[in-house]
Amino acid sequence: MSELVDMRVIGLLSSHLCHELVNPLGAVNNGIELLMDVGDAMRDEALGLIESSAQRTAKRLQFYRMAYGNAGMSALGELVQVRDLTNDLLGEGRLSLEWPDEIRNPLLQPGWGRLLMNMAAAAAESLPRGGVLTSGLEDAGAGVLLYVEARGEPARLDELTRPVFFEDVTVETLTPRNVHSYFTVKLASSLGGQIKVLEGEQGLVRFEARLR
């Protein structure tokens, strides 16, 4: 990539991150305003709003620090670490997360956990009305298969995101809505793998990355 391309991707990722943080930070601000405007009767409610919103912000920052930052390449050595960070981000709303491999808690090579987190976040976007995400890894001969399954009604790729997984898109066509998926595809490539998306019947979208 040229320096100009890198700068565009960085800018779009920053826009995506700001979008993820604007709601919980806005709620913190609302709580502060409520605290200033109301009497003691509403004090506990305002403090509760501030506390919960601050916690949501901290969890999102920690997730994206590992998903986007270099720390995620080496700091995520176990599946349960990936599980906890992903649950903190995605477990707030109408999504249910399942981790079939969490009991045996397999060790992860550098970059695997980071990729799995990004795959889970990308898969969550295919469940606009909520559903179930199932994440884990399977032995694949000399390598490993990372996977995330999204189940729900409807479970489908966003039309802006679809080309990122099935076509050779140019950086100039990216937007803040699909740059995360683009980053996920490039991350898999940097680890020697490729993202494959399988769209099945009955509300299923499966994301796979085979790595060595």
N, C-alpha and C. Protein backbone atom coordinates (compact mmCIF):
# COMPACT_ATOMS: atom_id res chain seq x y z
N MET A 1 0.83 -1.20 0.00
CA MET A 1 0.00 0.00 0.00
C MET A 1 0.87 1.26 0.00
N SER A 2 0.42 2.27 -0.68
CA SER A 2 1.12 3.54 -0.63
C SER A 2 0.80 4.25 0.67
N GLU A 3 1.60 5.27 0.99
CA GLU A 3 1.35 6.05 2.19
C GLU A 3 -0.03 6.70 2.13
N LEU A 4 -0.45 7.15 0.96
CA LEU A 4 -1.76 7.78 0.80
C LEU A 4 -2.87 6.79 1.11
N VAL A 5 -2.73 5.55 0.63
CA VAL A 5 -3.72 4.52 0.91
C VAL A 5 -3.78 4.24 2.40
N ASP A 6 -2.62 4.09 3.04
CA ASP A 6 -2.59 3.85 4.47
C ASP A 6 -3.32 4.94 5.23
N MET A 7 -3.10 6.18 4.85
CA MET A 7 -3.73 7.29 5.55
C MET A 7 -5.24 7.26 5.40
N ARG A 8 -5.73 6.87 4.23
CA ARG A 8 -7.19 6.81 4.04
C ARG A 8 -7.79 5.73 4.92
N VAL A 9 -7.17 4.56 4.96
CA VAL A 9 -7.69 3.48 5.79
C VAL A 9 -7.67 3.88 7.26
N ILE A 10 -6.58 4.50 7.70
CA ILE A 10 -6.49 4.96 9.08
C ILE A 10 -7.61 5.95 9.39
N GLY A 11 -7.84 6.88 8.48
CA GLY A 11 -8.90 7.86 8.70
C GLY A 11 -10.27 7.23 8.80
N LEU A 12 -10.55 6.24 7.95
CA LEU A 12 -11.85 5.57 7.98
C LEU A 12 -12.01 4.72 9.24
N LEU A 13 -10.93 4.05 9.64
CA LEU A 13 -11.00 3.28 10.88
C LEU A 13 -11.24 4.20 12.08
N SER A 14 -10.64 5.38 12.05
CA SER A 14 -10.87 6.35 13.12
C SER A 14 -12.32 6.79 13.15
N SER A 15 -12.91 6.99 11.98
CA SER A 15 -14.32 7.36 11.91
C SER A 15 -15.20 6.24 12.46
N HIS A 16 -14.86 5.01 12.11
CA HIS A 16 -15.61 3.86 12.62
C HIS A 16 -15.51 3.78 14.14
N LEU A 17 -14.30 3.99 14.67
CA LEU A 17 -14.11 3.93 16.12
C LEU A 17 -14.89 5.04 16.82
N CYS A 18 -14.86 6.23 16.26
CA CYS A 18 -15.62 7.34 16.86
C CYS A 18 -17.11 7.03 16.88
N HIS A 19 -17.60 6.40 15.81
CA HIS A 19 -19.02 6.02 15.77
C HIS A 19 -19.34 5.03 16.89
N GLU A 20 -18.42 4.11 17.17
CA GLU A 20 -18.64 3.12 18.22
C GLU A 20 -18.63 3.75 19.61
N LEU A 21 -17.95 4.88 19.76
CA LEU A 21 -17.81 5.50 21.08
C LEU A 21 -18.79 6.64 21.33
N VAL A 22 -19.39 7.18 20.29
CA VAL A 22 -20.18 8.40 20.46
C VAL A 22 -21.40 8.18 21.35
N ASN A 23 -22.05 7.02 21.25
CA ASN A 23 -23.25 6.80 22.06
C ASN A 23 -22.94 6.69 23.55
N PRO A 24 -22.00 5.82 23.97
CA PRO A 24 -21.73 5.75 25.42
C PRO A 24 -21.14 7.03 25.98
N LEU A 25 -20.30 7.73 25.18
CA LEU A 25 -19.76 9.00 25.67
C LEU A 25 -20.86 10.06 25.76
N GLY A 26 -21.78 10.04 24.80
CA GLY A 26 -22.90 10.96 24.87
C GLY A 26 -23.77 10.71 26.10
N ALA A 27 -23.92 9.45 26.46
CA ALA A 27 -24.70 9.11 27.66
C ALA A 27 -24.01 9.60 28.93
N VAL A 28 -22.67 9.55 28.94
CA VAL A 28 -21.94 10.10 30.08
C VAL A 28 -22.23 11.59 30.21
N ASN A 29 -22.18 12.30 29.09
CA ASN A 29 -22.45 13.73 29.10
C ASN A 29 -23.88 14.02 29.56
N ASN A 30 -24.83 13.18 29.10
CA ASN A 30 -26.23 13.38 29.53
C ASN A 30 -26.37 13.18 31.03
N GLY A 31 -25.63 12.20 31.55
CA GLY A 31 -25.69 11.95 32.99
C GLY A 31 -25.13 13.11 33.78
N ILE A 32 -24.06 13.72 33.28
CA ILE A 32 -23.48 14.87 33.97
C ILE A 32 -24.45 16.05 33.95
N GLU A 33 -25.08 16.28 32.80
CA GLU A 33 -26.05 17.37 32.70
C GLU A 33 -27.23 17.12 33.64
N LEU A 34 -27.68 15.86 33.71
CA LEU A 34 -28.77 15.53 34.61
C LEU A 34 -28.38 15.76 36.06
N LEU A 35 -27.14 15.42 36.37
CA LEU A 35 -26.65 15.60 37.74
C LEU A 35 -26.62 17.07 38.13
N MET A 36 -26.32 17.93 37.16
CA MET A 36 -26.23 19.37 37.43
C MET A 36 -27.60 20.02 37.51
N ASP A 37 -28.60 19.46 36.82
CA ASP A 37 -29.89 20.13 36.69
C ASP A 37 -30.93 19.66 37.71
N VAL A 38 -30.73 18.50 38.29
CA VAL A 38 -31.77 17.97 39.17
C VAL A 38 -31.30 18.00 40.61
N GLY A 39 -32.23 17.77 41.48
CA GLY A 39 -31.93 17.76 42.90
C GLY A 39 -31.45 16.40 43.37
N ASP A 40 -31.40 16.26 44.68
CA ASP A 40 -30.90 15.02 45.26
C ASP A 40 -31.76 13.81 44.89
N ALA A 41 -33.03 14.04 44.58
CA ALA A 41 -33.93 12.92 44.28
C ALA A 41 -33.48 12.15 43.03
N MET A 42 -32.84 12.84 42.10
CA MET A 42 -32.42 12.21 40.85
C MET A 42 -30.92 11.91 40.84
N ARG A 43 -30.25 12.17 41.94
CA ARG A 43 -28.80 12.05 41.97
C ARG A 43 -28.35 10.61 41.69
N ASP A 44 -28.98 9.66 42.35
CA ASP A 44 -28.58 8.26 42.17
C ASP A 44 -28.79 7.80 40.73
N GLU A 45 -29.89 8.24 40.12
CA GLU A 45 -30.16 7.86 38.73
C GLU A 45 -29.10 8.43 37.80
N ALA A 46 -28.73 9.69 38.02
CA ALA A 46 -27.71 10.32 37.18
C ALA A 46 -26.36 9.63 37.36
N LEU A 47 -25.99 9.33 38.59
CA LEU A 47 -24.71 8.65 38.84
C LEU A 47 -24.69 7.26 38.23
N GLY A 48 -25.84 6.58 38.27
CA GLY A 48 -25.93 5.25 37.66
C GLY A 48 -25.74 5.31 36.16
N LEU A 49 -26.33 6.33 35.53
CA LEU A 49 -26.18 6.51 34.09
C LEU A 49 -24.73 6.78 33.72
N ILE A 50 -24.08 7.63 34.50
CA ILE A 50 -22.68 7.96 34.23
C ILE A 50 -21.80 6.72 34.40
N GLU A 51 -22.03 5.98 35.46
CA GLU A 51 -21.20 4.79 35.73
C GLU A 51 -21.35 3.73 34.64
N SER A 52 -22.60 3.41 34.27
CA SER A 52 -22.81 2.37 33.26
C SER A 52 -22.26 2.79 31.91
N SER A 53 -22.43 4.06 31.55
CA SER A 53 -21.94 4.55 30.26
C SER A 53 -20.42 4.59 30.23
N ALA A 54 -19.81 4.96 31.34
CA ALA A 54 -18.34 4.97 31.40
C ALA A 54 -17.79 3.56 31.27
N GLN A 55 -18.46 2.59 31.87
CA GLN A 55 -18.03 1.20 31.75
C GLN A 55 -18.14 0.70 30.32
N ARG A 56 -19.22 1.05 29.64
CA ARG A 56 -19.39 0.66 28.23
C ARG A 56 -18.28 1.27 27.37
N THR A 57 -17.96 2.53 27.63
CA THR A 57 -16.90 3.18 26.87
C THR A 57 -15.57 2.48 27.09
N ALA A 58 -15.25 2.17 28.34
CA ALA A 58 -13.99 1.51 28.66
C ALA A 58 -13.90 0.14 27.99
N LYS A 59 -14.99 -0.61 27.98
CA LYS A 59 -14.99 -1.94 27.37
C LYS A 59 -14.78 -1.84 25.86
N ARG A 60 -15.41 -0.87 25.23
CA ARG A 60 -15.24 -0.70 23.78
C ARG A 60 -13.83 -0.28 23.44
N LEU A 61 -13.26 0.62 24.24
CA LEU A 61 -11.89 1.04 24.00
C LEU A 61 -10.92 -0.13 24.15
N GLN A 62 -11.13 -0.96 25.16
CA GLN A 62 -10.26 -2.11 25.36
C GLN A 62 -10.37 -3.09 24.21
N PHE A 63 -11.59 -3.31 23.71
CA PHE A 63 -11.77 -4.21 22.58
C PHE A 63 -11.01 -3.70 21.36
N TYR A 64 -11.24 -2.45 21.00
CA TYR A 64 -10.63 -1.93 19.78
C TYR A 64 -9.13 -1.69 19.95
N ARG A 65 -8.66 -1.50 21.16
CA ARG A 65 -7.22 -1.43 21.39
C ARG A 65 -6.56 -2.74 20.98
N MET A 66 -7.21 -3.86 21.30
CA MET A 66 -6.66 -5.16 20.93
C MET A 66 -6.98 -5.51 19.47
N ALA A 67 -8.14 -5.14 18.99
CA ALA A 67 -8.55 -5.50 17.63
C ALA A 67 -7.80 -4.70 16.58
N TYR A 68 -7.54 -3.42 16.84
CA TYR A 68 -6.88 -2.56 15.87
C TYR A 68 -5.41 -2.31 16.18
N GLY A 69 -5.05 -2.32 17.45
CA GLY A 69 -3.69 -1.96 17.84
C GLY A 69 -2.72 -3.13 17.79
N ASN A 70 -1.43 -2.81 17.84
CA ASN A 70 -0.39 -3.84 17.78
C ASN A 70 -0.40 -4.74 19.02
N ALA A 71 -0.95 -4.23 20.13
CA ALA A 71 -0.99 -5.05 21.34
C ALA A 71 -1.74 -6.35 21.12
N GLY A 72 -2.73 -6.33 20.22
CA GLY A 72 -3.53 -7.52 19.97
C GLY A 72 -2.78 -8.64 19.28
N MET A 73 -1.60 -8.35 18.73
CA MET A 73 -0.83 -9.38 18.04
C MET A 73 -0.20 -10.37 19.01
N SER A 74 0.19 -9.90 20.19
CA SER A 74 0.91 -10.77 21.13
C SER A 74 0.23 -10.94 22.48
N ALA A 75 -0.69 -10.05 22.83
CA ALA A 75 -1.27 -10.09 24.18
C ALA A 75 -2.38 -11.11 24.34
N LEU A 76 -2.90 -11.64 23.24
CA LEU A 76 -4.04 -12.55 23.30
C LEU A 76 -3.55 -13.98 23.07
N GLY A 77 -3.09 -14.62 24.13
CA GLY A 77 -2.53 -15.95 24.00
C GLY A 77 -3.50 -17.09 24.26
N GLU A 78 -4.70 -16.77 24.79
CA GLU A 78 -5.67 -17.79 25.12
C GLU A 78 -7.05 -17.39 24.60
N LEU A 79 -7.84 -18.40 24.27
CA LEU A 79 -9.17 -18.13 23.72
C LEU A 79 -10.06 -17.39 24.72
N VAL A 80 -9.92 -17.68 26.02
CA VAL A 80 -10.81 -17.04 26.99
C VAL A 80 -10.59 -15.53 27.04
N GLN A 81 -9.38 -15.07 26.72
CA GLN A 81 -9.13 -13.64 26.67
C GLN A 81 -9.92 -13.00 25.53
N VAL A 82 -9.91 -13.67 24.40
CA VAL A 82 -10.69 -13.19 23.25
C VAL A 82 -12.17 -13.21 23.58
N ARG A 83 -12.61 -14.28 24.22
CA ARG A 83 -14.01 -14.41 24.60
C ARG A 83 -14.45 -13.25 25.48
N ASP A 84 -13.66 -12.96 26.52
CA ASP A 84 -14.06 -11.92 27.47
C ASP A 84 -14.14 -10.55 26.81
N LEU A 85 -13.16 -10.21 25.98
CA LEU A 85 -13.18 -8.92 25.30
C LEU A 85 -14.34 -8.81 24.33
N THR A 86 -14.61 -9.89 23.60
CA THR A 86 -15.69 -9.87 22.62
C THR A 86 -17.05 -9.83 23.30
N ASN A 87 -17.20 -10.58 24.38
CA ASN A 87 -18.45 -10.54 25.13
C ASN A 87 -18.72 -9.16 25.69
N ASP A 88 -17.66 -8.49 26.14
CA ASP A 88 -17.83 -7.13 26.67
C ASP A 88 -18.35 -6.17 25.61
N LEU A 89 -17.89 -6.34 24.36
CA LEU A 89 -18.32 -5.43 23.30
C LEU A 89 -19.69 -5.79 22.76
N LEU A 90 -19.91 -7.07 22.45
CA LEU A 90 -21.09 -7.48 21.71
C LEU A 90 -22.21 -8.01 22.59
N GLY A 91 -21.90 -8.30 23.85
CA GLY A 91 -22.92 -8.89 24.71
C GLY A 91 -23.87 -7.91 25.35
N GLU A 92 -23.79 -6.62 24.93
CA GLU A 92 -24.63 -5.60 25.56
C GLU A 92 -26.06 -5.61 25.03
N GLY A 93 -26.25 -5.98 23.78
CA GLY A 93 -27.55 -5.82 23.14
C GLY A 93 -28.29 -7.11 22.93
N ARG A 94 -28.74 -7.31 21.70
CA ARG A 94 -29.61 -8.45 21.39
C ARG A 94 -28.84 -9.64 20.86
N LEU A 95 -27.54 -9.63 21.04
CA LEU A 95 -26.72 -10.74 20.59
C LEU A 95 -26.40 -11.69 21.75
N SER A 96 -26.43 -12.97 21.44
CA SER A 96 -25.99 -14.00 22.38
C SER A 96 -24.73 -14.63 21.81
N LEU A 97 -23.69 -14.79 22.64
CA LEU A 97 -22.41 -15.31 22.17
C LEU A 97 -22.13 -16.67 22.77
N GLU A 98 -21.68 -17.59 21.91
CA GLU A 98 -21.34 -18.93 22.35
C GLU A 98 -19.91 -19.24 21.95
N TRP A 99 -19.18 -19.93 22.86
CA TRP A 99 -17.77 -20.28 22.66
C TRP A 99 -17.59 -21.76 22.98
N PRO A 100 -17.81 -22.64 22.03
CA PRO A 100 -17.75 -24.08 22.31
C PRO A 100 -16.39 -24.55 22.82
N ASP A 101 -15.31 -23.83 22.50
CA ASP A 101 -13.97 -24.28 22.88
C ASP A 101 -13.48 -23.66 24.19
N GLU A 102 -14.32 -22.92 24.89
CA GLU A 102 -13.83 -22.19 26.05
C GLU A 102 -13.38 -23.10 27.19
N ILE A 103 -13.93 -24.31 27.28
CA ILE A 103 -13.55 -25.21 28.38
C ILE A 103 -12.10 -25.68 28.20
N ARG A 104 -11.74 -26.09 26.99
CA ARG A 104 -10.36 -26.51 26.77
C ARG A 104 -9.41 -25.33 26.57
N ASN A 105 -9.95 -24.15 26.28
CA ASN A 105 -9.20 -22.90 26.22
C ASN A 105 -7.88 -23.05 25.45
N PRO A 106 -7.94 -23.30 24.15
CA PRO A 106 -6.71 -23.52 23.39
C PRO A 106 -5.81 -22.29 23.34
N LEU A 107 -4.51 -22.54 23.23
CA LEU A 107 -3.55 -21.46 23.08
C LEU A 107 -3.61 -20.92 21.66
N LEU A 108 -3.33 -19.63 21.52
CA LEU A 108 -3.42 -18.96 20.23
C LEU A 108 -2.06 -18.45 19.80
N GLN A 109 -1.75 -18.62 18.54
CA GLN A 109 -0.53 -18.06 17.98
C GLN A 109 -0.72 -16.55 17.82
N PRO A 110 0.38 -15.78 17.76
CA PRO A 110 0.27 -14.32 17.60
C PRO A 110 -0.61 -13.93 16.42
N GLY A 111 -1.57 -13.07 16.70
CA GLY A 111 -2.47 -12.56 15.66
C GLY A 111 -3.78 -13.32 15.54
N TRP A 112 -3.82 -14.58 16.01
CA TRP A 112 -5.05 -15.35 15.87
C TRP A 112 -6.20 -14.74 16.65
N GLY A 113 -5.93 -14.37 17.90
CA GLY A 113 -6.99 -13.79 18.72
C GLY A 113 -7.49 -12.47 18.17
N ARG A 114 -6.56 -11.66 17.70
CA ARG A 114 -6.92 -10.37 17.11
C ARG A 114 -7.82 -10.57 15.91
N LEU A 115 -7.48 -11.55 15.06
CA LEU A 115 -8.30 -11.82 13.88
C LEU A 115 -9.67 -12.33 14.28
N LEU A 116 -9.74 -13.20 15.27
CA LEU A 116 -11.03 -13.74 15.70
C LEU A 116 -11.94 -12.64 16.25
N MET A 117 -11.37 -11.69 16.98
CA MET A 117 -12.16 -10.56 17.48
C MET A 117 -12.74 -9.75 16.33
N ASN A 118 -11.92 -9.47 15.33
CA ASN A 118 -12.40 -8.69 14.19
C ASN A 118 -13.43 -9.45 13.38
N MET A 119 -13.25 -10.76 13.26
CA MET A 119 -14.25 -11.58 12.56
C MET A 119 -15.58 -11.55 13.30
N ALA A 120 -15.53 -11.62 14.63
CA ALA A 120 -16.77 -11.59 15.42
C ALA A 120 -17.49 -10.26 15.27
N ALA A 121 -16.73 -9.16 15.28
CA ALA A 121 -17.35 -7.84 15.10
C ALA A 121 -17.96 -7.70 13.72
N ALA A 122 -17.28 -8.24 12.70
CA ALA A 122 -17.81 -8.20 11.34
C ALA A 122 -19.06 -9.06 11.23
N ALA A 123 -19.04 -10.23 11.85
CA ALA A 123 -20.20 -11.12 11.80
C ALA A 123 -21.40 -10.51 12.51
N ALA A 124 -21.16 -9.77 13.58
CA ALA A 124 -22.26 -9.14 14.31
C ALA A 124 -23.03 -8.17 13.44
N GLU A 125 -22.35 -7.56 12.47
CA GLU A 125 -23.01 -6.61 11.58
C GLU A 125 -24.01 -7.30 10.66
N SER A 126 -23.91 -8.62 10.53
CA SER A 126 -24.86 -9.35 9.68
C SER A 126 -26.12 -9.75 10.43
N LEU A 127 -26.22 -9.32 11.70
CA LEU A 127 -27.40 -9.63 12.52
C LEU A 127 -28.03 -8.33 13.02
N PRO A 128 -28.66 -7.55 12.14
CA PRO A 128 -29.20 -6.25 12.54
C PRO A 128 -30.32 -6.35 13.57
N ARG A 129 -31.01 -7.49 13.65
CA ARG A 129 -32.08 -7.66 14.62
C ARG A 129 -31.69 -8.58 15.77
N GLY A 130 -30.41 -8.87 15.87
CA GLY A 130 -29.94 -9.74 16.93
C GLY A 130 -29.92 -11.20 16.51
N GLY A 131 -29.32 -12.01 17.35
CA GLY A 131 -29.21 -13.43 17.05
C GLY A 131 -28.11 -14.05 17.88
N VAL A 132 -27.50 -15.10 17.36
CA VAL A 132 -26.48 -15.86 18.09
C VAL A 132 -25.19 -15.87 17.29
N LEU A 133 -24.09 -15.55 17.94
CA LEU A 133 -22.76 -15.69 17.36
C LEU A 133 -22.06 -16.86 18.03
N THR A 134 -21.53 -17.77 17.23
CA THR A 134 -20.76 -18.90 17.74
C THR A 134 -19.35 -18.79 17.20
N SER A 135 -18.36 -18.70 18.09
CA SER A 135 -16.98 -18.46 17.68
C SER A 135 -16.06 -19.52 18.25
N GLY A 136 -15.01 -19.84 17.48
CA GLY A 136 -14.04 -20.79 17.98
C GLY A 136 -13.01 -21.13 16.93
N LEU A 137 -12.30 -22.24 17.14
CA LEU A 137 -11.30 -22.68 16.19
C LEU A 137 -11.27 -24.19 16.12
N GLU A 138 -10.90 -24.68 14.95
CA GLU A 138 -10.84 -26.11 14.71
C GLU A 138 -9.49 -26.47 14.11
N ASP A 139 -8.99 -27.65 14.43
CA ASP A 139 -7.77 -28.13 13.78
C ASP A 139 -8.02 -28.34 12.30
N ALA A 140 -7.06 -27.94 11.49
CA ALA A 140 -7.20 -28.07 10.04
C ALA A 140 -5.90 -28.57 9.45
N GLY A 141 -5.60 -29.84 9.69
CA GLY A 141 -4.36 -30.39 9.18
C GLY A 141 -3.16 -29.75 9.84
N ALA A 142 -2.33 -29.09 9.05
CA ALA A 142 -1.15 -28.44 9.58
C ALA A 142 -1.44 -27.05 10.14
N GLY A 143 -2.68 -26.62 10.06
CA GLY A 143 -3.02 -25.28 10.51
C GLY A 143 -4.25 -25.27 11.40
N VAL A 144 -4.95 -24.16 11.36
CA VAL A 144 -6.13 -23.98 12.19
C VAL A 144 -7.20 -23.24 11.39
N LEU A 145 -8.44 -23.52 11.69
CA LEU A 145 -9.56 -22.83 11.07
C LEU A 145 -10.26 -22.00 12.14
N LEU A 146 -10.18 -20.69 12.02
CA LEU A 146 -10.94 -19.79 12.88
C LEU A 146 -12.31 -19.59 12.25
N TYR A 147 -13.35 -19.58 13.05
CA TYR A 147 -14.69 -19.41 12.48
C TYR A 147 -15.58 -18.61 13.41
N VAL A 148 -16.53 -17.93 12.81
CA VAL A 148 -17.62 -17.26 13.53
C VAL A 148 -18.89 -17.49 12.73
N GLU A 149 -19.90 -18.06 13.38
CA GLU A 149 -21.20 -18.27 12.74
C GLU A 149 -22.21 -17.28 13.29
N ALA A 150 -22.93 -16.64 12.40
CA ALA A 150 -23.99 -15.72 12.78
C ALA A 150 -25.34 -16.34 12.40
N ARG A 151 -26.18 -16.53 13.41
CA ARG A 151 -27.50 -17.10 13.18
C ARG A 151 -28.57 -16.14 13.66
N GLY A 152 -29.56 -15.90 12.83
CA GLY A 152 -30.65 -15.02 13.20
C GLY A 152 -31.52 -14.74 12.01
N GLU A 153 -32.61 -14.03 12.24
CA GLU A 153 -33.56 -13.67 11.18
C GLU A 153 -33.72 -12.15 11.14
N PRO A 154 -33.21 -11.50 10.10
CA PRO A 154 -32.41 -12.10 9.03
C PRO A 154 -30.93 -12.10 9.39
N ALA A 155 -30.17 -13.05 8.84
CA ALA A 155 -28.72 -13.04 8.93
C ALA A 155 -28.19 -12.88 7.51
N ARG A 156 -27.62 -11.74 7.23
CA ARG A 156 -27.15 -11.47 5.88
C ARG A 156 -26.08 -10.38 5.90
N LEU A 157 -25.23 -10.43 4.91
CA LEU A 157 -24.23 -9.40 4.77
C LEU A 157 -24.87 -8.09 4.32
N ASP A 158 -24.40 -7.00 4.87
CA ASP A 158 -24.82 -5.70 4.41
C ASP A 158 -24.36 -5.51 2.97
N GLU A 159 -25.16 -4.86 2.16
CA GLU A 159 -24.83 -4.70 0.75
C GLU A 159 -23.55 -3.87 0.54
N LEU A 160 -23.24 -2.96 1.46
CA LEU A 160 -22.00 -2.21 1.35
C LEU A 160 -20.79 -3.04 1.75
N THR A 161 -21.03 -4.06 2.58
CA THR A 161 -19.94 -4.89 3.07
C THR A 161 -19.65 -6.06 2.14
N ARG A 162 -20.65 -6.56 1.48
CA ARG A 162 -20.50 -7.76 0.64
C ARG A 162 -19.33 -7.68 -0.33
N PRO A 163 -19.14 -6.58 -1.09
CA PRO A 163 -18.03 -6.55 -2.05
C PRO A 163 -16.66 -6.74 -1.40
N VAL A 164 -16.52 -6.32 -0.14
CA VAL A 164 -15.23 -6.44 0.53
C VAL A 164 -14.81 -7.91 0.64
N PHE A 165 -15.77 -8.80 0.81
CA PHE A 165 -15.46 -10.22 0.99
C PHE A 165 -15.43 -11.00 -0.32
N PHE A 166 -16.07 -10.48 -1.35
CA PHE A 166 -16.20 -11.26 -2.58
C PHE A 166 -15.54 -10.61 -3.80
N GLU A 167 -15.04 -9.39 -3.65
CA GLU A 167 -14.43 -8.70 -4.79
C GLU A 167 -13.10 -8.07 -4.36
N ASP A 168 -12.31 -7.67 -5.34
CA ASP A 168 -11.06 -6.98 -5.08
C ASP A 168 -11.34 -5.48 -5.07
N VAL A 169 -11.85 -4.98 -3.95
CA VAL A 169 -12.26 -3.59 -3.87
C VAL A 169 -11.04 -2.68 -3.75
N THR A 170 -11.21 -1.45 -4.18
CA THR A 170 -10.15 -0.45 -4.04
C THR A 170 -10.38 0.36 -2.77
N VAL A 171 -9.32 0.89 -2.24
CA VAL A 171 -9.41 1.68 -1.01
C VAL A 171 -10.30 2.90 -1.21
N GLU A 172 -10.28 3.46 -2.40
CA GLU A 172 -11.07 4.67 -2.67
C GLU A 172 -12.57 4.43 -2.54
N THR A 173 -13.02 3.19 -2.64
CA THR A 173 -14.45 2.89 -2.55
C THR A 173 -14.91 2.59 -1.12
N LEU A 174 -13.97 2.55 -0.17
CA LEU A 174 -14.33 2.20 1.20
C LEU A 174 -15.07 3.34 1.89
N THR A 175 -15.87 2.97 2.88
CA THR A 175 -16.59 3.94 3.70
C THR A 175 -16.40 3.53 5.17
N PRO A 176 -16.77 4.41 6.13
CA PRO A 176 -16.68 4.02 7.54
C PRO A 176 -17.52 2.78 7.88
N ARG A 177 -18.52 2.48 7.05
CA ARG A 177 -19.38 1.33 7.34
C ARG A 177 -18.75 0.00 6.97
N ASN A 178 -17.88 -0.01 5.95
CA ASN A 178 -17.30 -1.30 5.55
C ASN A 178 -15.79 -1.39 5.75
N VAL A 179 -15.17 -0.34 6.30
CA VAL A 179 -13.72 -0.36 6.46
C VAL A 179 -13.29 -1.41 7.49
N HIS A 180 -14.14 -1.68 8.48
CA HIS A 180 -13.78 -2.71 9.46
C HIS A 180 -13.65 -4.07 8.79
N SER A 181 -14.57 -4.40 7.92
CA SER A 181 -14.50 -5.68 7.20
C SER A 181 -13.26 -5.73 6.31
N TYR A 182 -12.94 -4.61 5.67
CA TYR A 182 -11.74 -4.53 4.84
C TYR A 182 -10.50 -4.78 5.68
N PHE A 183 -10.45 -4.15 6.85
CA PHE A 183 -9.32 -4.35 7.76
C PHE A 183 -9.21 -5.82 8.17
N THR A 184 -10.35 -6.46 8.42
CA THR A 184 -10.37 -7.87 8.80
C THR A 184 -9.81 -8.75 7.69
N VAL A 185 -10.21 -8.47 6.46
CA VAL A 185 -9.71 -9.22 5.31
C VAL A 185 -8.19 -9.06 5.18
N LYS A 186 -7.68 -7.84 5.33
CA LYS A 186 -6.26 -7.58 5.20
C LYS A 186 -5.48 -8.19 6.37
N LEU A 187 -6.08 -8.19 7.55
CA LEU A 187 -5.43 -8.81 8.70
C LEU A 187 -5.25 -10.30 8.48
N ALA A 188 -6.28 -10.96 7.96
CA ALA A 188 -6.17 -12.39 7.66
C ALA A 188 -5.07 -12.64 6.63
N SER A 189 -5.00 -11.78 5.64
CA SER A 189 -3.98 -11.92 4.61
C SER A 189 -2.58 -11.77 5.19
N SER A 190 -2.41 -10.85 6.12
CA SER A 190 -1.09 -10.63 6.74
C SER A 190 -0.67 -11.83 7.58
N LEU A 191 -1.62 -12.65 8.01
CA LEU A 191 -1.34 -13.85 8.80
C LEU A 191 -1.24 -15.10 7.92
N GLY A 192 -1.28 -14.89 6.60
CA GLY A 192 -1.16 -16.00 5.68
C GLY A 192 -2.45 -16.72 5.38
N GLY A 193 -3.58 -16.09 5.68
CA GLY A 193 -4.88 -16.71 5.45
C GLY A 193 -5.78 -15.88 4.57
N GLN A 194 -7.00 -16.29 4.47
CA GLN A 194 -8.00 -15.59 3.66
C GLN A 194 -9.37 -15.76 4.29
N ILE A 195 -10.12 -14.68 4.35
CA ILE A 195 -11.48 -14.75 4.89
C ILE A 195 -12.41 -15.35 3.83
N LYS A 196 -13.17 -16.33 4.24
CA LYS A 196 -14.17 -16.94 3.37
C LYS A 196 -15.53 -16.80 4.06
N VAL A 197 -16.51 -16.31 3.33
CA VAL A 197 -17.85 -16.13 3.90
C VAL A 197 -18.81 -17.08 3.20
N LEU A 198 -19.50 -17.88 3.98
CA LEU A 198 -20.48 -18.84 3.46
C LEU A 198 -21.87 -18.40 3.91
N GLU A 199 -22.76 -18.22 2.97
CA GLU A 199 -24.13 -17.81 3.29
C GLU A 199 -25.05 -19.00 3.07
N GLY A 200 -25.59 -19.52 4.15
CA GLY A 200 -26.47 -20.67 4.07
C GLY A 200 -27.92 -20.30 4.18
N GLU A 201 -28.75 -21.28 4.17
CA GLU A 201 -30.19 -21.06 4.32
C GLU A 201 -30.53 -20.99 5.81
N GLN A 202 -31.75 -20.62 6.10
CA GLN A 202 -32.27 -20.58 7.46
C GLN A 202 -31.48 -19.61 8.34
N GLY A 203 -31.09 -18.47 7.76
CA GLY A 203 -30.49 -17.42 8.57
C GLY A 203 -29.13 -17.74 9.11
N LEU A 204 -28.19 -18.14 8.28
CA LEU A 204 -26.84 -18.46 8.71
C LEU A 204 -25.81 -17.79 7.80
N VAL A 205 -24.85 -17.10 8.42
CA VAL A 205 -23.68 -16.58 7.72
C VAL A 205 -22.46 -17.04 8.50
N ARG A 206 -21.53 -17.73 7.83
CA ARG A 206 -20.35 -18.27 8.49
C ARG A 206 -19.09 -17.61 7.92
N PHE A 207 -18.26 -17.11 8.82
CA PHE A 207 -16.99 -16.49 8.47
C PHE A 207 -15.87 -17.46 8.85
N GLU A 208 -14.97 -17.72 7.92
CA GLU A 208 -13.87 -18.64 8.16
C GLU A 208 -12.55 -18.03 7.75
N ALA A 209 -11.49 -18.41 8.47
CA ALA A 209 -10.12 -18.04 8.10
C ALA A 209 -9.22 -19.23 8.41
N ARG A 210 -8.62 -19.79 7.38
CA ARG A 210 -7.72 -20.94 7.54
C ARG A 210 -6.28 -20.42 7.61
N LEU A 211 -5.61 -20.72 8.73
CA LEU A 211 -4.26 -20.22 8.96
C LEU A 211 -3.30 -21.37 9.22
N ARG A 212 -2.02 -21.14 8.98
CA ARG A 212 -0.98 -22.13 9.25
C ARG A 212 -0.05 -21.63 10.35
